[in-house]
C-alpha atoms as a PDB file:
ATOM      1  CA  MET A   1       4.818  14.811  28.431  1.00  0.00           C
ATOM      2  CA  ASN A   2       3.654  13.556  25.059  1.00  0.00           C
ATOM      3  CA  THR A   3       5.589  11.256  22.772  1.00  0.00           C
ATOM      4  CA  VAL A   4       6.167  13.958  20.149  1.00  0.00           C
ATOM      5  CA  SER A   5       8.004  16.084  22.688  1.00  0.00           C
ATOM      6  CA  LEU A   6      10.124  13.144  23.808  1.00  0.00           C
ATOM      7  CA  ALA A   7      10.994  12.239  20.209  1.00  0.00           C
ATOM      8  CA  LEU A   8      12.011  15.816  19.432  1.00  0.00           C
ATOM      9  CA  LYS A   9      14.208  15.933  22.517  1.00  0.00           C
ATOM     10  CA  LEU A  10      15.851  12.666  21.481  1.00  0.00           C
ATOM     11  CA  VAL A  11      16.641  13.984  17.983  1.00  0.00           C
ATOM     12  CA  PHE A  12      17.991  17.189  19.539  1.00  0.00           C
ATOM     13  CA  ALA A  13      20.252  15.145  21.838  1.00  0.00           C
ATOM     14  CA  VAL A  14      21.521  13.090  18.889  1.00  0.00           C
ATOM     15  CA  VAL A  15      22.347  16.252  16.927  1.00  0.00           C
ATOM     16  CA  ILE A  16      24.236  17.725  19.899  1.00  0.00           C
ATOM     17  CA  PHE A  17      26.176  14.471  20.360  1.00  0.00           C
ATOM     18  CA  GLU A  18      27.108  14.404  16.660  1.00  0.00           C
ATOM     19  CA  LEU A  19      28.272  18.015  16.862  1.00  0.00           C
ATOM     20  CA  LEU A  20      30.520  17.059  19.780  1.00  0.00           C
ATOM     21  CA  ILE A  21      31.982  14.208  17.720  1.00  0.00           C
ATOM     22  CA  VAL A  22      32.641  16.495  14.748  1.00  0.00           C
ATOM     23  CA  GLY A  23      34.137  19.167  17.003  1.00  0.00           C
ATOM     24  CA  GLY A  24      36.483  16.659  18.624  1.00  0.00           C
ATOM     25  CA  THR A  25      37.538  15.341  15.239  1.00  0.00           C
ATOM     26  CA  VAL A  26      38.249  18.801  13.870  1.00  0.00           C
ATOM     27  CA  ILE A  27      40.276  19.710  16.969  1.00  0.00           C
ATOM     28  CA  LYS A  28      42.277  16.493  16.574  1.00  0.00           C
ATOM     29  CA  CYS A  29      42.903  17.303  12.925  1.00  0.00           C
ATOM     30  CA  PHE A  30      44.206  20.775  13.758  1.00  0.00           C
ATOM     31  CA  ASP A  31      46.392  19.548  16.614  1.00  0.00           C
ATOM     32  CA  THR A  32      48.040  16.590  14.904  1.00  0.00           C
ATOM     33  CA  ASP A  33      47.832  17.456  11.183  1.00  0.00           C
ATOM     34  CA  SER A  34      47.153  13.767  10.585  1.00  0.00           C
ATOM     35  CA  CYS A  35      43.794  14.017   8.838  1.00  0.00           C
ATOM     36  CA  ASP A  36      43.466  12.805   5.296  1.00  0.00           C
ATOM     37  CA  GLU A  37      40.814  12.892   2.578  1.00  0.00           C
ATOM     38  CA  ASN A  38      38.747  10.167   4.266  1.00  0.00           C
ATOM     39  CA  ASP A  39      38.522  12.151   7.497  1.00  0.00           C
ATOM     40  CA  SER A  40      37.454  15.216   5.567  1.00  0.00           C
ATOM     41  CA  ASN A  41      34.786  13.237   3.708  1.00  0.00           C
ATOM     42  CA  ASN A  42      33.483  11.700   6.933  1.00  0.00           C
ATOM     43  CA  ILE A  43      33.231  15.108   8.600  1.00  0.00           C
ATOM     44  CA  THR A  44      31.338  16.413   5.566  1.00  0.00           C
ATOM     45  CA  LEU A  45      28.914  13.480   5.643  1.00  0.00           C
ATOM     46  CA  ILE A  46      28.221  13.914   9.350  1.00  0.00           C
ATOM     47  CA  LEU A  47      27.645  17.649   8.916  1.00  0.00           C
ATOM     48  CA  ASN A  48      25.208  16.943   6.067  1.00  0.00           C
ATOM     49  CA  SER A  49      23.405  14.467   8.302  1.00  0.00           C
ATOM     50  CA  ILE A  50      23.230  17.049  11.087  1.00  0.00           C
ATOM     51  CA  ALA A  51      21.799  19.626   8.683  1.00  0.00           C
ATOM     52  CA  ALA A  52      19.099  17.201   7.530  1.00  0.00           C
ATOM     53  CA  LYS A  53      18.211  16.254  11.106  1.00  0.00           C
ATOM     54  CA  SER A  54      18.110  19.892  12.146  1.00  0.00           C
ATOM     55  CA  PHE A  55      15.696  20.706   9.318  1.00  0.00           C
ATOM     56  CA  ALA A  56      13.550  17.690  10.223  1.00  0.00           C
ATOM     57  CA  LEU A  57      13.589  18.760  13.871  1.00  0.00           C
ATOM     58  CA  TYR A  58      12.501  22.287  12.941  1.00  0.00           C
ATOM     59  CA  ALA A  59       9.718  21.003  10.690  1.00  0.00           C
ATOM     60  CA  ALA A  60       8.524  18.541  13.340  1.00  0.00           C
ATOM     61  CA  GLU A  61       8.433  21.237  16.003  1.00  0.00           C
ATOM     62  CA  LYS A  62       6.441  23.549  13.733  1.00  0.00           C
ATOM     63  CA  GLY A  63       4.057  20.735  12.832  1.00  0.00           C
ATOM     64  CA  SER A  64       3.671  19.704  16.440  1.00  0.00           C
ATOM     65  CA  SER A  65       2.944  23.245  17.622  1.00  0.00           C
ATOM     66  CA  ALA A  66       0.437  23.792  14.814  1.00  0.00           C
ATOM     67  CA  LYS A  67      -1.375  20.584  15.731  1.00  0.00           C
ATOM     68  CA  ILE A  68      -1.490  21.542  19.418  1.00  0.00           C
ATOM     69  CA  GLU A  69      -2.866  25.044  18.704  1.00  0.00           C
ATOM     70  CA  LYS A  70      -5.827  23.702  16.701  1.00  0.00           C
END
């Protein structure tokens, strides 16, 4: 297994873990109704981070596959 593949799998695992954190936070907010503006802002920031990492992961996979096919 090459290092590019391992790095992509690591980023994928980080994104999944962050999604689990956001999901747990949202469930807690719905159950307890104790979330405030700061919680909402933090969830938004994490989701933006996940979107950026997902785009980077997609671009890296496309770049990696194009390099391998050459």
